């Protein structure tokens, strides 16, 4: 049976290649889109963790995604928070979303307090010297061939001098003085978030209670551990639905191509099926042949798809290092199951149709 299956696939190489490519596209679509979604999510988590804060004070309607909430809080809240027991550092930050070119979040920081949370690791240059200085991380500098002393546009309008290049993983990829960004965004004296560092992370609950007691109960207070636990696919609005839609489209692509290929193959092999049935082949035997052929095509497509996904991830990372794509082992397993399941589903009707053919009519077929 296996020899016959391989002979059938080799006898129709174009159709076999097209079917394998369709499955490969299905697998690649799943792994790259899901990998991009998870990569951006996990990259955001890692960069937030690298800030070095123990608590975050946000507006009541703050989004889990950084940079989407504007700057609605008075910056003077920082002075109140600094007076609390166990609080060692309070750093106000202004976020501004940049949609000109690549979508990114610019952080306006008070350098001294932000650096006190966890020190910047400078690879070149140093802190701000002028109001229109910018600090960039090494990923941005590498992908855009930026060096210290050069000028780049921030928010698509104002040129900033690059004063320093730092190791990635400390919040945003571009940092400018907080006063400068407040003026540019019309948010003078306002902040998007307050990062709070404690003398001991175990005092998180004590400080959270104190913040409520001083009249800031309407604000959202999250420990870094709480925020990290909330950053999941299920917690972010629309992300799980987006992944579901992508997987559904991928399955439909694989289903249609396999259905068409197997249905056409059954019609072309009508006489061959008649010969098999006249020799005593059962309906189960015929169905088994068609489904095994489908599984072989699916396995070939899966291997090609995984290879394409890994190659595409490397190519994207070399050109766009700031765009993280994580191809996880569990999603490779899911993609394999989805591809094989969709292929078998597409081959069931052609297989059943082949098994139901009358051997006399099949033998007479020309």
Protein backbone atom coordinates (compact mmCIF):
# COMPACT_ATOMS: atom_id res chain seq x y z
CA UNK A 1 0.00 0.00 0.00
CA UNK A 2 2.77 2.43 0.90
CA UNK A 3 4.52 1.83 -2.44
CA UNK A 4 1.26 2.52 -4.25
CA UNK A 5 0.73 5.74 -2.29
CA UNK A 6 4.22 7.03 -3.09
CA UNK A 7 3.78 6.04 -6.74
CA UNK A 8 0.53 8.02 -6.89
CA UNK A 9 2.22 11.11 -5.44
CA UNK A 10 5.21 10.88 -7.78
CA UNK A 11 2.96 10.23 -10.80
CA UNK A 12 1.32 13.63 -10.26
CA UNK A 13 4.22 15.80 -9.06
CA UNK A 14 2.66 19.21 -9.74
CA UNK A 15 -0.46 18.45 -7.75
CA UNK A 16 1.60 16.95 -4.95
CA UNK A 17 3.88 20.00 -4.78
CA UNK A 18 0.93 22.41 -4.77
CA UNK A 19 -0.71 20.47 -1.93
CA UNK A 20 2.52 20.47 0.07
CA UNK A 21 2.95 24.22 -0.49
CA UNK A 22 -0.65 24.85 0.66
CA UNK A 23 -0.03 22.96 3.90
CA UNK A 24 3.29 24.78 4.30
CA UNK A 25 1.56 28.15 3.91
CA UNK A 26 -0.99 27.08 6.52
CA UNK A 27 1.74 26.12 9.02
CA UNK A 28 3.84 29.21 8.26
CA UNK A 29 0.85 31.51 8.67
CA UNK A 30 0.04 30.03 12.06
CA UNK A 31 3.61 30.04 13.40
CA UNK A 32 4.58 33.51 12.17
CA UNK A 33 1.40 35.38 13.09
CA UNK A 34 1.07 33.69 16.48
CA UNK A 35 4.84 34.02 17.00
CA UNK A 36 4.68 37.73 16.25
CA UNK A 37 1.76 38.24 18.65
CA UNK A 38 3.43 36.30 21.47
CA UNK A 39 6.81 37.84 20.71
CA UNK A 40 5.53 41.39 21.02
CA UNK A 41 3.63 40.49 24.18
CA UNK A 42 6.63 38.83 25.85
CA UNK A 43 8.99 41.55 24.66
CA UNK A 44 6.76 44.13 26.34
CA UNK A 45 6.81 42.09 29.55
CA UNK A 46 10.61 41.78 29.53
CA UNK A 47 11.13 45.49 28.89
CA UNK A 48 8.71 46.51 31.64
CA UNK A 49 10.39 44.13 34.09
CA UNK A 50 13.75 45.67 33.22
CA UNK A 51 12.61 49.11 34.41
CA UNK A 52 13.26 48.00 37.97
CA UNK A 53 10.05 49.18 39.66
CA UNK A 54 8.06 47.29 42.29
CA UNK A 55 4.77 49.18 41.85
CA UNK A 56 3.00 51.10 39.10
CA UNK A 57 0.41 53.83 39.66
CA UNK A 58 -1.83 54.29 36.59
CA UNK A 59 -5.05 56.14 35.73
CA UNK A 60 -8.33 54.27 36.41
CA UNK A 61 -8.93 53.50 32.73
CA UNK A 62 -5.34 52.55 31.92
CA UNK A 63 -4.73 49.92 29.26
CA UNK A 64 -2.53 46.89 29.83
CA UNK A 65 -0.59 47.92 26.74
CA UNK A 66 1.86 50.70 27.49
CA UNK A 67 1.49 53.98 25.70
CA UNK A 68 -2.24 53.84 25.04
CA UNK A 69 -3.54 55.90 27.94
CA UNK A 70 -2.27 59.44 27.33
CA UNK A 71 -1.04 61.55 30.26
CA UNK A 72 -4.01 62.32 32.53
CA UNK A 73 -2.35 62.35 35.99
CA UNK A 74 -0.83 65.38 37.75
CA UNK A 75 2.95 65.03 38.00
CA UNK A 76 2.79 66.43 41.55
CA UNK A 77 1.46 63.06 42.73
CA UNK A 78 5.10 61.95 42.71
CA UNK A 79 5.88 64.30 45.61
CA UNK A 80 3.06 62.75 47.65
CA UNK A 81 4.19 59.20 46.90
CA UNK A 82 7.80 59.93 47.88
CA UNK A 83 6.66 60.70 51.45
CA UNK A 84 5.23 57.22 51.99
CA UNK A 85 7.02 54.68 54.15
CA UNK A 86 9.15 52.12 52.30
CA UNK A 87 9.14 54.19 49.08
CA UNK A 88 12.67 54.93 47.88
CA UNK A 89 12.13 56.11 44.29
CA UNK A 90 9.17 57.55 42.39
CA UNK A 91 9.64 58.23 38.68
CA UNK A 92 6.93 59.93 36.58
CA UNK A 93 6.86 58.96 32.91
CA UNK A 94 4.97 60.43 29.95
CA UNK A 95 4.11 58.10 27.08
CA UNK A 96 3.41 59.27 23.57
CA UNK A 97 2.39 56.95 20.75
CA UNK A 98 4.19 57.53 17.46
CA UNK A 99 2.32 56.32 14.37
CA UNK A 100 4.42 58.01 11.70
CA UNK A 101 6.44 55.18 10.18
CA UNK A 102 6.82 52.32 12.65
CA UNK A 103 4.32 52.27 15.51
CA UNK A 104 6.23 52.88 18.73
CA UNK A 105 5.93 54.39 22.19
CA UNK A 106 8.21 57.28 23.16
CA UNK A 107 8.96 57.64 26.88
CA UNK A 108 9.46 61.05 28.41
CA UNK A 109 11.46 60.46 31.61
CA UNK A 110 12.97 62.32 34.52
CA UNK A 111 16.44 60.87 33.97
CA UNK A 112 17.67 60.87 37.57
CA UNK A 113 14.64 59.14 39.09
CA UNK A 114 14.18 56.73 36.15
CA UNK A 115 17.84 55.77 36.27
CA UNK A 116 17.54 55.23 40.03
CA UNK A 117 14.95 52.48 39.45
CA UNK A 118 17.56 50.41 37.61
CA UNK A 119 20.60 52.10 36.05
CA UNK A 120 20.89 52.45 32.28
CA UNK A 121 23.75 50.45 30.76
CA UNK A 122 25.31 52.80 28.25
CA UNK A 123 27.05 51.24 25.26
CA UNK A 124 27.95 54.65 23.85
CA UNK A 125 27.43 58.26 24.85
CA UNK A 126 25.63 59.27 28.03
CA UNK A 127 22.59 60.99 29.62
CA UNK A 128 20.66 63.97 28.28
CA UNK A 129 22.61 67.21 27.98
CA UNK A 130 20.02 69.33 26.18
CA UNK A 131 16.20 69.48 26.06
CA UNK A 132 16.17 67.93 22.59
CA UNK A 133 18.42 64.97 23.32
CA UNK A 134 17.25 61.38 22.94
CA UNK A 135 18.54 58.10 24.34
CA UNK A 136 17.95 55.03 22.15
CA UNK A 137 18.47 51.33 22.81
CA UNK A 138 20.93 49.15 20.91
CA UNK A 139 18.21 47.37 18.89
CA UNK A 140 16.92 50.65 17.48
CA UNK A 141 20.45 51.95 16.89
CA UNK A 142 21.51 48.79 15.04
CA UNK A 143 18.41 48.48 12.86
CA UNK A 144 18.51 52.17 11.87
CA UNK A 145 22.33 52.57 11.77
CA UNK A 146 22.18 55.35 14.35
CA UNK A 147 25.25 56.66 16.21
CA UNK A 148 25.82 59.05 19.10
CA UNK A 149 25.80 62.67 17.97
CA UNK A 150 23.52 62.09 14.99
CA UNK A 151 20.07 63.63 14.72
CA UNK A 152 16.85 61.65 14.35
CA UNK A 153 13.23 62.70 14.15
CA UNK A 154 10.99 61.88 17.11
CA UNK A 155 7.21 61.85 16.63
CA UNK A 156 7.82 62.64 12.98
CA UNK A 157 8.38 66.34 13.49
CA UNK A 158 11.19 67.38 15.82
CA UNK A 159 14.85 66.50 15.37
CA UNK A 160 16.66 65.19 18.45
CA UNK A 161 20.36 64.60 18.99
CA UNK A 162 21.27 61.08 20.05
CA UNK A 163 23.07 61.56 23.36
CA UNK A 164 23.42 57.88 24.26
CA UNK A 165 22.85 54.30 23.21
CA UNK A 166 21.82 51.89 25.98
CA UNK A 167 21.32 48.15 26.32
CA UNK A 168 17.76 47.15 25.39
CA UNK A 169 15.24 45.99 27.96
CA UNK A 170 14.42 49.08 30.05
CA UNK A 171 10.97 50.11 28.90
CA UNK A 172 10.83 52.00 25.62
CA UNK A 173 13.35 52.09 22.78
CA UNK A 174 13.50 55.90 22.73
CA UNK A 175 13.74 58.17 25.79
CA UNK A 176 13.51 61.95 25.83
CA UNK A 177 13.40 64.46 28.72
CA UNK A 178 9.96 64.47 30.36
CA UNK A 179 9.55 68.25 30.13
CA UNK A 180 10.27 68.19 26.41
CA UNK A 181 7.70 65.49 25.70
CA UNK A 182 5.14 67.21 27.92
CA UNK A 183 5.52 70.38 25.86
CA UNK A 184 5.35 68.50 22.56
CA UNK A 185 2.21 66.58 23.52
CA UNK A 186 0.46 69.44 25.30
CA UNK A 187 0.57 67.62 28.65
CA UNK A 188 2.48 70.11 30.79
CA UNK A 189 2.72 68.95 34.38
CA UNK A 190 1.08 65.59 33.55
CA UNK A 191 2.25 61.97 33.67
CA UNK A 192 1.07 58.71 32.12
CA UNK A 193 2.38 56.46 34.89
CA UNK A 194 4.40 56.55 38.10
CA UNK A 195 6.99 53.84 38.67
CA UNK A 196 7.63 53.18 42.35
CA UNK A 197 10.61 51.39 43.88
CA UNK A 198 10.44 50.13 47.47
CA UNK A 199 13.07 49.42 50.09
CA UNK A 200 11.84 45.82 50.04
CA UNK A 201 9.51 44.22 47.45
CA UNK A 202 7.75 42.41 50.30
CA UNK A 203 6.25 45.75 51.38
CA UNK A 204 4.12 45.97 48.23
CA UNK A 205 0.80 45.33 50.00
CA UNK A 206 1.63 47.83 52.77
CA UNK A 207 2.42 50.61 50.30
CA UNK A 208 -0.67 49.82 48.18
CA UNK A 209 -2.82 50.29 51.29
CA UNK A 210 -1.07 53.56 52.10
CA UNK A 211 -1.74 54.86 48.57
CA UNK A 212 -5.45 54.15 49.02
CA UNK A 213 -5.45 55.80 52.47
CA UNK A 214 -3.97 59.08 51.18
CA UNK A 215 -6.89 59.55 48.77
CA UNK A 216 -5.59 57.93 45.58
CA UNK A 217 -8.05 55.04 45.67
CA UNK A 218 -9.46 55.94 42.23
CA UNK A 219 -6.11 55.22 40.61
CA UNK A 220 -4.95 51.77 39.58
CA UNK A 221 -2.09 50.41 41.69
CA UNK A 222 -0.41 47.27 40.41
CA UNK A 223 2.64 45.41 41.57
CA UNK A 224 4.98 44.36 38.80
CA UNK A 225 4.12 40.72 39.55
CA UNK A 226 0.39 41.48 39.12
CA UNK A 227 0.95 43.28 35.85
CA UNK A 228 3.08 40.46 34.46
CA UNK A 229 0.43 37.89 35.37
CA UNK A 230 -2.21 39.93 33.50
CA UNK A 231 -0.14 40.17 30.31
CA UNK A 232 -1.49 37.07 28.63
CA UNK A 233 -3.24 36.33 25.34
CA UNK A 234 -6.59 35.92 27.09
CA UNK A 235 -6.30 39.19 29.02
CA UNK A 236 -5.60 41.50 26.10
CA UNK A 237 -8.77 42.54 24.26
CA UNK A 238 -8.99 41.18 20.75
CA UNK A 239 -5.72 39.25 20.73
CA UNK A 240 -7.19 35.79 21.26
CA UNK A 241 -9.91 36.53 18.69
CA UNK A 242 -7.24 37.69 16.24
CA UNK A 243 -5.27 34.47 16.68
CA UNK A 244 -8.47 32.43 16.26
CA UNK A 245 -9.26 34.21 12.98
CA UNK A 246 -5.72 33.64 11.66
CA UNK A 247 -5.85 29.94 12.50
CA UNK A 248 -9.31 29.63 10.93
CA UNK A 249 -8.11 31.23 7.69
CA UNK A 250 -5.08 28.94 7.63
CA UNK A 251 -7.24 25.85 8.16
CA UNK A 252 -9.63 26.93 5.37
CA UNK A 253 -6.68 27.34 2.96
CA UNK A 254 -5.38 23.86 3.73
CA UNK A 255 -8.86 22.31 3.64
CA UNK A 256 -9.79 23.74 0.23
CA UNK A 257 -6.52 22.78 -1.46
CA UNK A 258 -6.46 19.25 -0.04
CA UNK A 259 -10.14 18.76 -0.87
CA UNK A 260 -9.58 19.86 -4.46
CA UNK A 261 -6.44 17.76 -4.87
CA UNK A 262 -7.93 14.58 -3.41
CA UNK A 263 -11.27 14.98 -5.19
CA UNK A 264 -9.54 15.43 -8.54
CA UNK A 265 -7.23 12.50 -7.81
CA UNK A 266 -10.22 10.25 -7.07
CA UNK A 267 -11.93 11.25 -10.32
CA UNK A 268 -8.77 10.59 -12.33
CA UNK A 269 -8.19 7.22 -10.67
CA UNK A 270 -11.71 5.91 -11.11
CA UNK A 271 -10.53 2.98 -13.22
CA UNK A 272 -7.69 2.18 -10.78
CA UNK A 273 -10.18 2.17 -7.90
CA UNK A 274 -12.39 -0.20 -9.89
CA UNK A 275 -9.46 -2.59 -10.38
CA UNK A 276 -8.69 -2.53 -6.64
CA UNK A 277 -12.32 -3.23 -5.73
CA UNK A 278 -12.56 -6.03 -8.30
CA UNK A 279 -9.52 -7.61 -6.64
CA UNK A 280 -11.34 -7.60 -3.31
CA UNK A 281 -10.33 -4.27 -1.81
CA UNK A 282 -12.83 -3.20 0.83
CA UNK A 283 -14.31 0.27 1.30
CA UNK A 284 -12.08 0.72 4.34
CA UNK A 285 -9.03 -0.17 2.23
CA UNK A 286 -9.88 2.49 -0.37
CA UNK A 287 -10.52 5.13 2.31
CA UNK A 288 -7.27 4.15 4.02
CA UNK A 289 -5.30 4.66 0.79
CA UNK A 290 -6.71 8.17 0.22
CA UNK A 291 -6.23 9.26 3.84
CA UNK A 292 -2.69 7.89 4.00
CA UNK A 293 -1.84 9.79 0.85
CA UNK A 294 -3.28 12.92 2.47
CA UNK A 295 -1.23 12.43 5.65
CA UNK A 296 1.97 12.04 3.59
CA UNK A 297 1.21 15.34 1.84
CA UNK A 298 0.45 16.97 5.20
CA UNK A 299 3.71 15.77 6.74
CA UNK A 300 5.64 17.10 3.76
CA UNK A 301 3.86 20.44 4.08
CA UNK A 302 4.50 20.59 7.83
CA UNK A 303 8.24 20.03 7.38
CA UNK A 304 8.44 22.69 4.66
CA UNK A 305 6.25 25.07 6.71
CA UNK A 306 8.38 24.80 9.84
CA UNK A 307 11.51 25.37 7.76
CA UNK A 308 9.98 28.42 6.09
CA UNK A 309 8.87 29.81 9.47
CA UNK A 310 12.33 29.48 11.02
CA UNK A 311 13.97 30.97 7.94
CA UNK A 312 11.50 33.86 7.81
CA UNK A 313 11.99 34.59 11.52
CA UNK A 314 15.76 34.81 11.06
CA UNK A 315 15.41 37.01 7.99
CA UNK A 316 12.97 39.35 9.76
CA UNK A 317 15.18 39.55 12.85
CA UNK A 318 18.24 40.42 10.75
CA UNK A 319 16.36 43.25 9.03
CA UNK A 320 14.07 44.32 11.88
CA UNK A 321 15.64 43.37 15.24
CA UNK A 322 13.00 45.41 17.09
CA UNK A 323 10.25 43.10 15.74
CA UNK A 324 10.29 40.00 17.97
CA UNK A 325 8.92 36.68 16.69
CA UNK A 326 8.86 33.72 19.06
CA UNK A 327 8.25 30.30 17.54
CA UNK A 328 7.38 28.20 20.56
CA UNK A 329 7.50 24.41 20.72
CA UNK A 330 3.91 24.11 21.92
CA UNK A 331 2.64 26.14 18.95
CA UNK A 332 4.67 23.96 16.56
CA UNK A 333 2.81 21.00 18.07
CA UNK A 334 -0.54 22.81 17.68
CA UNK A 335 0.29 23.73 14.07
CA UNK A 336 1.09 20.08 13.30
CA UNK A 337 -2.22 18.90 14.75
CA UNK A 338 -4.17 21.65 12.95
CA UNK A 339 -2.49 20.94 9.61
CA UNK A 340 -3.03 17.17 9.78
CA UNK A 341 -6.58 17.57 11.09
CA UNK A 342 -7.51 20.07 8.38
CA UNK A 343 -5.96 17.92 5.65
CA UNK A 344 -7.78 14.77 6.78
CA UNK A 345 -11.02 16.72 7.04
CA UNK A 346 -10.58 17.91 3.46
CA UNK A 347 -9.91 14.35 2.24
CA UNK A 348 -12.80 12.57 3.98
CA UNK A 349 -15.45 13.28 1.33
CA UNK A 350 -13.22 12.32 -1.65
CA UNK A 351 -12.20 9.15 0.22
CA UNK A 352 -15.79 8.17 0.97
CA UNK A 353 -16.80 8.93 -2.64
CA UNK A 354 -14.00 6.69 -3.90
CA UNK A 355 -15.05 3.87 -1.57
CA UNK A 356 -18.65 4.02 -2.80
CA UNK A 357 -17.81 3.62 -6.49
CA UNK A 358 -19.34 0.59 -8.18
CA UNK A 359 -16.48 -1.65 -9.42
CA UNK A 360 -18.25 -2.51 -12.70
CA UNK A 361 -18.92 1.14 -13.55
CA UNK A 362 -15.38 2.07 -12.45
CA UNK A 363 -13.85 -0.57 -14.72
CA UNK A 364 -15.92 0.72 -17.65
CA UNK A 365 -14.78 4.33 -16.98
CA UNK A 366 -12.54 5.84 -19.65
